[in-house]
Amino acid sequence: MIRLHHCPQTRSMRSLWLLHELGVPFELVDWPFDKTLRSPEFRALNPAGRVPALEIDGEVLWETGAIAEYLCDRFPQGGMGRNAGDAERAQWLIWLHFAETISQHTATLTQQHIVLYEDHMRSPMIMDLEAKRLAKCFSVVNDRLQGRDYLLDGGFSAADIGVGQAIYMGRHFVKLDPFPALEAWYERITARPAFMASRPIDGSARLYSRDYYAPWPLEP
């Protein structure tokens, strides 16, 4: 039995997308993005009080990078991983975990733009700095994709899923237009049926109510 505990438009979407790509049966449990995640019920699954939590093989896994590595090892027939000894293993690991580097900047911007409700709580300096850092991450991915269809020469993998989902969230704060190789890749991977299946269903709660959050102007 595989059960994924998930909040729409959060990092747990990586695990959901990967499960769809692997084509394995699983059960999905949606949680609201609120204090419910701090409840004893959920903390019994993930003591950090965050999604995802993945129940599989009698274990509960959390952290998206760890989940991705475990699932790719558990279901190698899906072709989403690169085994130890594979020539692409090192690059697969680098890009798989670079998703979290991207997401840390998006998380700060999400907090500043969405979680903090009052303007006086927000910091224009932090918002500007984190948007620039996020754009730098986009530039790194764009450079990697020059002349490539996917992050690895061997084809689409869980690395594209992790980074692709991080871009999915990050594009709410940094536009893709200045990064043509990244933008073309993003359009390519998000046309995949497994990505479509991992998006929030119509009418469900969403973390982002807008497609794009314009930079908050700095104080003069």
C-alpha atoms as a PDB file:
ATOM      1  CA  MET A   1       0.000   0.000   0.000  1.00  0.00           C
ATOM      2  CA  ILE A   2       1.247   3.448  -0.941  1.00  0.00           C
ATOM      3  CA  ARG A   3      -0.441   6.505   0.563  1.00  0.00           C
ATOM      4  CA  LEU A   4       0.702  10.067  -0.146  1.00  0.00           C
ATOM      5  CA  HIS A   5      -0.263  12.901   2.201  1.00  0.00           C
ATOM      6  CA  HIS A   6      -0.366  16.070   0.126  1.00  0.00           C
ATOM      7  CA  CYS A   7      -1.301  19.753  -0.069  1.00  0.00           C
ATOM      8  CA  PRO A   8      -2.012  21.165  -3.539  1.00  0.00           C
ATOM      9  CA  GLN A   9       0.638  23.500  -4.987  1.00  0.00           C
ATOM     10  CA  THR A  10       3.254  22.604  -2.387  1.00  0.00           C
ATOM     11  CA  ARG A  11       6.465  20.584  -2.614  1.00  0.00           C
ATOM     12  CA  SER A  12       4.474  17.374  -2.106  1.00  0.00           C
ATOM     13  CA  MET A  13       3.367  17.857  -5.719  1.00  0.00           C
ATOM     14  CA  ARG A  14       6.814  16.491  -6.670  1.00  0.00           C
ATOM     15  CA  SER A  15       6.030  13.176  -5.039  1.00  0.00           C
ATOM     16  CA  LEU A  16       2.555  13.100  -6.584  1.00  0.00           C
ATOM     17  CA  TRP A  17       3.914  13.792 -10.077  1.00  0.00           C
ATOM     18  CA  LEU A  18       6.567  11.092  -9.667  1.00  0.00           C
ATOM     19  CA  LEU A  19       4.008   8.514  -8.546  1.00  0.00           C
ATOM     20  CA  HIS A  20       1.932   9.264 -11.638  1.00  0.00           C
ATOM     21  CA  GLU A  21       5.002   8.935 -13.869  1.00  0.00           C
ATOM     22  CA  LEU A  22       5.879   5.595 -12.275  1.00  0.00           C
ATOM     23  CA  GLY A  23       2.351   4.335 -12.900  1.00  0.00           C
ATOM     24  CA  VAL A  24       2.048   2.581  -9.548  1.00  0.00           C
ATOM     25  CA  PRO A  25      -1.235   2.391  -7.613  1.00  0.00           C
ATOM     26  CA  PHE A  26      -1.474   4.724  -4.627  1.00  0.00           C
ATOM     27  CA  GLU A  27      -3.950   6.490  -2.385  1.00  0.00           C
ATOM     28  CA  LEU A  28      -3.949  10.283  -2.119  1.00  0.00           C
ATOM     29  CA  VAL A  29      -4.869  12.114   1.082  1.00  0.00           C
ATOM     30  CA  ASP A  30      -5.287  15.879   0.692  1.00  0.00           C
ATOM     31  CA  TRP A  31      -4.608  18.101   3.697  1.00  0.00           C
ATOM     32  CA  PRO A  32      -5.407  21.804   4.034  1.00  0.00           C
ATOM     33  CA  PHE A  33      -2.426  24.151   4.073  1.00  0.00           C
ATOM     34  CA  ASP A  34      -3.086  25.377   7.595  1.00  0.00           C
ATOM     35  CA  LYS A  35      -2.510  24.527  11.260  1.00  0.00           C
ATOM     36  CA  THR A  36      -3.984  21.069  10.697  1.00  0.00           C
ATOM     37  CA  LEU A  37      -0.488  20.047   9.633  1.00  0.00           C
ATOM     38  CA  ARG A  38       0.654  20.788  13.198  1.00  0.00           C
ATOM     39  CA  SER A  39      -1.931  18.418  14.669  1.00  0.00           C
ATOM     40  CA  PRO A  40      -0.809  15.300  16.562  1.00  0.00           C
ATOM     41  CA  GLU A  41      -2.481  13.218  13.840  1.00  0.00           C
ATOM     42  CA  PHE A  42      -0.297  14.632  11.106  1.00  0.00           C
ATOM     43  CA  ARG A  43       2.848  14.971  13.224  1.00  0.00           C
ATOM     44  CA  ALA A  44       2.653  11.226  13.767  1.00  0.00           C
ATOM     45  CA  LEU A  45       3.359  10.984  10.036  1.00  0.00           C
ATOM     46  CA  ASN A  46       5.788  13.879   9.634  1.00  0.00           C
ATOM     47  CA  PRO A  47       7.083  15.313  12.926  1.00  0.00           C
ATOM     48  CA  ALA A  48       8.068  18.544  11.154  1.00  0.00           C
ATOM     49  CA  GLY A  49       4.392  19.195  10.439  1.00  0.00           C
ATOM     50  CA  ARG A  50       4.925  19.565   6.694  1.00  0.00           C
ATOM     51  CA  VAL A  51       3.938  17.735   3.530  1.00  0.00           C
ATOM     52  CA  PRO A  52       4.670  15.350   2.020  1.00  0.00           C
ATOM     53  CA  ALA A  53       4.466  12.197   4.049  1.00  0.00           C
ATOM     54  CA  LEU A  54       4.560   8.928   2.144  1.00  0.00           C
ATOM     55  CA  GLU A  55       3.405   5.647   3.661  1.00  0.00           C
ATOM     56  CA  ILE A  56       5.041   2.729   1.859  1.00  0.00           C
ATOM     57  CA  ASP A  57       6.349  -0.728   2.719  1.00  0.00           C
ATOM     58  CA  GLY A  58       5.482  -0.253   6.393  1.00  0.00           C
ATOM     59  CA  GLU A  59       7.543   2.957   6.584  1.00  0.00           C
ATOM     60  CA  VAL A  60       6.649   6.652   6.583  1.00  0.00           C
ATOM     61  CA  LEU A  61       8.978   8.772   4.486  1.00  0.00           C
ATOM     62  CA  TRP A  62       9.233  12.546   4.352  1.00  0.00           C
ATOM     63  CA  GLU A  63      11.479  15.007   2.495  1.00  0.00           C
ATOM     64  CA  THR A  64      10.842  15.063  -1.242  1.00  0.00           C
ATOM     65  CA  GLY A  65      14.401  14.255  -2.244  1.00  0.00           C
ATOM     66  CA  ALA A  66      14.460  11.170  -0.032  1.00  0.00           C
ATOM     67  CA  ILE A  67      11.043  10.112  -1.317  1.00  0.00           C
ATOM     68  CA  ALA A  68      12.189  10.491  -4.927  1.00  0.00           C
ATOM     69  CA  GLU A  69      15.322   8.425  -4.370  1.00  0.00           C
ATOM     70  CA  TYR A  70      13.352   5.719  -2.533  1.00  0.00           C
ATOM     71  CA  LEU A  71      10.622   5.493  -5.167  1.00  0.00           C
ATOM     72  CA  CYS A  72      13.088   5.389  -8.051  1.00  0.00           C
ATOM     73  CA  ASP A  73      15.019   2.589  -6.318  1.00  0.00           C
ATOM     74  CA  ARG A  74      11.829   0.767  -5.412  1.00  0.00           C
ATOM     75  CA  PHE A  75      10.399   0.964  -8.949  1.00  0.00           C
ATOM     76  CA  PRO A  76      13.421   1.024 -11.294  1.00  0.00           C
ATOM     77  CA  GLN A  77      11.280  -0.167 -14.187  1.00  0.00           C
ATOM     78  CA  GLY A  78       9.772   3.329 -14.325  1.00  0.00           C
ATOM     79  CA  GLY A  79      13.043   4.732 -15.644  1.00  0.00           C
ATOM     80  CA  MET A  80      12.869   7.840 -13.462  1.00  0.00           C
ATOM     81  CA  GLY A  81      16.118   7.197 -11.574  1.00  0.00           C
ATOM     82  CA  ARG A  82      19.770   6.566 -12.313  1.00  0.00           C
ATOM     83  CA  ASN A  83      21.238   3.603 -10.469  1.00  0.00           C
ATOM     84  CA  ALA A  84      24.521   3.641  -8.563  1.00  0.00           C
ATOM     85  CA  GLY A  85      27.278   3.166 -11.096  1.00  0.00           C
ATOM     86  CA  ASP A  86      25.298   4.774 -13.918  1.00  0.00           C
ATOM     87  CA  ALA A  87      27.309   7.451 -15.732  1.00  0.00           C
ATOM     88  CA  GLU A  88      24.507   9.962 -15.038  1.00  0.00           C
ATOM     89  CA  ARG A  89      24.063   9.117 -11.352  1.00  0.00           C
ATOM     90  CA  ALA A  90      26.017  12.134 -10.047  1.00  0.00           C
ATOM     91  CA  GLN A  91      24.225  14.638 -12.262  1.00  0.00           C
ATOM     92  CA  TRP A  92      20.876  13.037 -11.437  1.00  0.00           C
ATOM     93  CA  LEU A  93      21.524  13.526  -7.727  1.00  0.00           C
ATOM     94  CA  ILE A  94      22.733  17.105  -8.198  1.00  0.00           C
ATOM     95  CA  TRP A  95      19.644  18.206 -10.113  1.00  0.00           C
ATOM     96  CA  LEU A  96      17.237  16.139  -8.030  1.00  0.00           C
ATOM     97  CA  HIS A  97      18.361  18.030  -4.923  1.00  0.00           C
ATOM     98  CA  PHE A  98      18.840  21.398  -6.621  1.00  0.00           C
ATOM     99  CA  ALA A  99      15.035  21.533  -6.596  1.00  0.00           C
ATOM    100  CA  GLU A 100      15.233  22.267  -2.884  1.00  0.00           C
ATOM    101  CA  THR A 101      17.688  25.123  -3.440  1.00  0.00           C
ATOM    102  CA  ILE A 102      15.167  26.705  -5.790  1.00  0.00           C
ATOM    103  CA  SER A 103      12.289  26.055  -3.414  1.00  0.00           C
ATOM    104  CA  GLN A 104      13.869  27.701  -0.386  1.00  0.00           C
ATOM    105  CA  HIS A 105      13.708  31.064  -2.173  1.00  0.00           C
ATOM    106  CA  THR A 106      10.154  30.420  -3.355  1.00  0.00           C
ATOM    107  CA  ALA A 107       9.146  29.504   0.200  1.00  0.00           C
ATOM    108  CA  THR A 108      10.382  32.854   1.498  1.00  0.00           C
ATOM    109  CA  LEU A 109       8.564  34.727  -1.272  1.00  0.00           C
ATOM    110  CA  THR A 110       5.401  32.731  -0.605  1.00  0.00           C
ATOM    111  CA  GLN A 111       5.591  33.693   3.046  1.00  0.00           C
ATOM    112  CA  GLN A 112       6.168  37.354   2.236  1.00  0.00           C
ATOM    113  CA  HIS A 113       3.481  37.664  -0.438  1.00  0.00           C
ATOM    114  CA  ILE A 114       0.814  35.283   0.858  1.00  0.00           C
ATOM    115  CA  VAL A 115       1.266  34.007   4.403  1.00  0.00           C
ATOM    116  CA  LEU A 116       1.921  37.431   5.948  1.00  0.00           C
ATOM    117  CA  TYR A 117      -1.405  39.211   5.647  1.00  0.00           C
ATOM    118  CA  GLU A 118      -0.499  42.715   6.798  1.00  0.00           C
ATOM    119  CA  ASP A 119       1.743  44.999   4.762  1.00  0.00           C
ATOM    120  CA  HIS A 120       3.704  46.066   7.830  1.00  0.00           C
ATOM    121  CA  MET A 121       4.785  42.443   8.349  1.00  0.00           C
ATOM    122  CA  ARG A 122       6.420  42.243   4.922  1.00  0.00           C
ATOM    123  CA  SER A 123       9.977  43.218   4.091  1.00  0.00           C
ATOM    124  CA  PRO A 124      10.532  44.837   0.674  1.00  0.00           C
ATOM    125  CA  MET A 125      14.257  44.157   1.033  1.00  0.00           C
ATOM    126  CA  ILE A 126      13.756  40.415   1.625  1.00  0.00           C
ATOM    127  CA  MET A 127      11.253  40.183  -1.217  1.00  0.00           C
ATOM    128  CA  ASP A 128      13.628  41.892  -3.647  1.00  0.00           C
ATOM    129  CA  LEU A 129      16.635  39.844  -2.545  1.00  0.00           C
ATOM    130  CA  GLU A 130      14.838  36.504  -2.705  1.00  0.00           C
ATOM    131  CA  ALA A 131      13.361  37.261  -6.140  1.00  0.00           C
ATOM    132  CA  LYS A 132      16.888  37.971  -7.428  1.00  0.00           C
ATOM    133  CA  ARG A 133      18.182  34.759  -5.868  1.00  0.00           C
ATOM    134  CA  LEU A 134      15.330  32.817  -7.435  1.00  0.00           C
ATOM    135  CA  ALA A 135      16.071  34.380 -10.822  1.00  0.00           C
ATOM    136  CA  LYS A 136      19.698  33.279 -10.428  1.00  0.00           C
ATOM    137  CA  CYS A 137      18.514  29.712  -9.877  1.00  0.00           C
ATOM    138  CA  PHE A 138      16.409  29.965 -13.027  1.00  0.00           C
ATOM    139  CA  SER A 139      19.513  31.130 -14.894  1.00  0.00           C
ATOM    140  CA  VAL A 140      21.475  28.088 -13.679  1.00  0.00           C
ATOM    141  CA  VAL A 141      18.763  25.745 -14.989  1.00  0.00           C
ATOM    142  CA  ASN A 142      18.534  27.704 -18.244  1.00  0.00           C
ATOM    143  CA  ASP A 143      22.289  27.317 -18.794  1.00  0.00           C
ATOM    144  CA  ARG A 144      22.098  23.579 -18.150  1.00  0.00           C
ATOM    145  CA  LEU A 145      19.328  23.196 -20.729  1.00  0.00           C
ATOM    146  CA  GLN A 146      21.217  24.843 -23.575  1.00  0.00           C
ATOM    147  CA  GLY A 147      21.161  22.226 -26.352  1.00  0.00           C
ATOM    148  CA  ARG A 148      19.298  19.700 -24.197  1.00  0.00           C
ATOM    149  CA  ASP A 149      15.695  18.531 -24.110  1.00  0.00           C
ATOM    150  CA  TYR A 150      15.993  17.470 -20.455  1.00  0.00           C
ATOM    151  CA  LEU A 151      18.366  17.991 -17.551  1.00  0.00           C
ATOM    152  CA  LEU A 152      20.115  14.692 -18.315  1.00  0.00           C
ATOM    153  CA  ASP A 153      21.254  13.599 -21.757  1.00  0.00           C
ATOM    154  CA  GLY A 154      19.716  10.191 -21.108  1.00  0.00           C
ATOM    155  CA  GLY A 155      16.204  11.636 -21.084  1.00  0.00           C
ATOM    156  CA  PHE A 156      13.403  12.678 -18.741  1.00  0.00           C
ATOM    157  CA  SER A 157      13.852  11.636 -15.115  1.00  0.00           C
ATOM    158  CA  ALA A 158      12.884  12.425 -11.538  1.00  0.00           C
ATOM    159  CA  ALA A 159      15.414  15.267 -11.713  1.00  0.00           C
ATOM    160  CA  ASP A 160      13.180  17.030 -14.249  1.00  0.00           C
ATOM    161  CA  ILE A 161      10.201  16.395 -11.994  1.00  0.00           C
ATOM    162  CA  GLY A 162      11.864  17.911  -8.927  1.00  0.00           C
ATOM    163  CA  VAL A 163      13.243  20.966 -10.691  1.00  0.00           C
ATOM    164  CA  GLY A 164      10.127  21.305 -12.848  1.00  0.00           C
ATOM    165  CA  GLN A 165       7.861  21.410  -9.829  1.00  0.00           C
ATOM    166  CA  ALA A 166      10.162  23.942  -8.166  1.00  0.00           C
ATOM    167  CA  ILE A 167       9.870  26.107 -11.294  1.00  0.00           C
ATOM    168  CA  TYR A 168       6.087  25.616 -11.243  1.00  0.00           C
ATOM    169  CA  MET A 169       6.010  27.264  -7.827  1.00  0.00           C
ATOM    170  CA  GLY A 170       8.757  29.803  -8.481  1.00  0.00           C
ATOM    171  CA  ARG A 171       7.177  31.203 -11.637  1.00  0.00           C
ATOM    172  CA  HIS A 172       4.553  32.805  -9.420  1.00  0.00           C
ATOM    173  CA  PHE A 173       7.293  35.307  -8.493  1.00  0.00           C
ATOM    174  CA  VAL A 174       9.815  35.295 -11.350  1.00  0.00           C
ATOM    175  CA  LYS A 175       8.730  35.223 -14.991  1.00  0.00           C
ATOM    176  CA  LEU A 176      10.182  32.659 -17.377  1.00  0.00           C
ATOM    177  CA  ASP A 177      10.491  34.955 -20.401  1.00  0.00           C
ATOM    178  CA  PRO A 178      14.170  35.889 -19.833  1.00  0.00           C
ATOM    179  CA  PHE A 179      15.105  32.189 -19.790  1.00  0.00           C
ATOM    180  CA  PRO A 180      14.171  30.742 -23.209  1.00  0.00           C
ATOM    181  CA  ALA A 181      15.759  27.295 -22.809  1.00  0.00           C
ATOM    182  CA  LEU A 182      14.119  26.866 -19.406  1.00  0.00           C
ATOM    183  CA  GLU A 183      10.772  28.106 -20.719  1.00  0.00           C
ATOM    184  CA  ALA A 184      10.793  25.662 -23.653  1.00  0.00           C
ATOM    185  CA  TRP A 185      11.734  22.791 -21.332  1.00  0.00           C
ATOM    186  CA  TYR A 186       9.051  23.789 -18.826  1.00  0.00           C
ATOM    187  CA  GLU A 187       6.381  23.791 -21.534  1.00  0.00           C
ATOM    188  CA  ARG A 188       7.615  20.388 -22.682  1.00  0.00           C
ATOM    189  CA  ILE A 189       7.551  18.673 -19.297  1.00  0.00           C
ATOM    190  CA  THR A 190       4.287  20.230 -18.107  1.00  0.00           C
ATOM    191  CA  ALA A 191       2.526  18.849 -21.187  1.00  0.00           C
ATOM    192  CA  ARG A 192       3.096  15.362 -19.790  1.00  0.00           C
ATOM    193  CA  PRO A 193      -0.077  13.580 -18.601  1.00  0.00           C
ATOM    194  CA  ALA A 194       1.492  12.839 -15.203  1.00  0.00           C
ATOM    195  CA  PHE A 195       2.065  16.533 -14.566  1.00  0.00           C
ATOM    196  CA  MET A 196      -1.510  17.307 -15.601  1.00  0.00           C
ATOM    197  CA  ALA A 197      -2.746  14.689 -13.147  1.00  0.00           C
ATOM    198  CA  SER A 198      -0.745  16.236 -10.303  1.00  0.00           C
ATOM    199  CA  ARG A 199      -2.238  19.724 -10.613  1.00  0.00           C
ATOM    200  CA  PRO A 200      -4.990  20.884  -8.233  1.00  0.00           C
ATOM    201  CA  ILE A 201      -8.418  19.763  -9.346  1.00  0.00           C
ATOM    202  CA  ASP A 202     -10.991  22.414 -10.183  1.00  0.00           C
ATOM    203  CA  GLY A 203     -12.580  23.857  -7.078  1.00  0.00           C
ATOM    204  CA  SER A 204      -9.931  22.568  -4.688  1.00  0.00           C
ATOM    205  CA  ALA A 205      -8.071  24.806  -2.256  1.00  0.00           C
ATOM    206  CA  ARG A 206      -4.962  26.411  -3.716  1.00  0.00           C
ATOM    207  CA  LEU A 207      -1.925  27.989  -2.171  1.00  0.00           C
ATOM    208  CA  TYR A 208      -1.618  30.564  -4.969  1.00  0.00           C
ATOM    209  CA  SER A 209      -4.698  32.540  -5.947  1.00  0.00           C
ATOM    210  CA  ARG A 210      -2.845  34.390  -8.736  1.00  0.00           C
ATOM    211  CA  ASP A 211      -0.667  33.233 -11.590  1.00  0.00           C
ATOM    212  CA  TYR A 212       1.936  35.894 -10.804  1.00  0.00           C
ATOM    213  CA  TYR A 213       2.724  38.116  -7.833  1.00  0.00           C
ATOM    214  CA  ALA A 214       4.347  41.348  -8.930  1.00  0.00           C
ATOM    215  CA  PRO A 215       7.390  42.557  -6.989  1.00  0.00           C
ATOM    216  CA  TRP A 216       6.510  44.631  -3.989  1.00  0.00           C
ATOM    217  CA  PRO A 217       8.014  48.093  -4.498  1.00  0.00           C
ATOM    218  CA  LEU A 218      10.944  49.009  -2.323  1.00  0.00           C
ATOM    219  CA  GLU A 219      10.609  51.977  -0.047  1.00  0.00           C
ATOM    220  CA  PRO A 220      12.137  55.134  -1.599  1.00  0.00           C
END
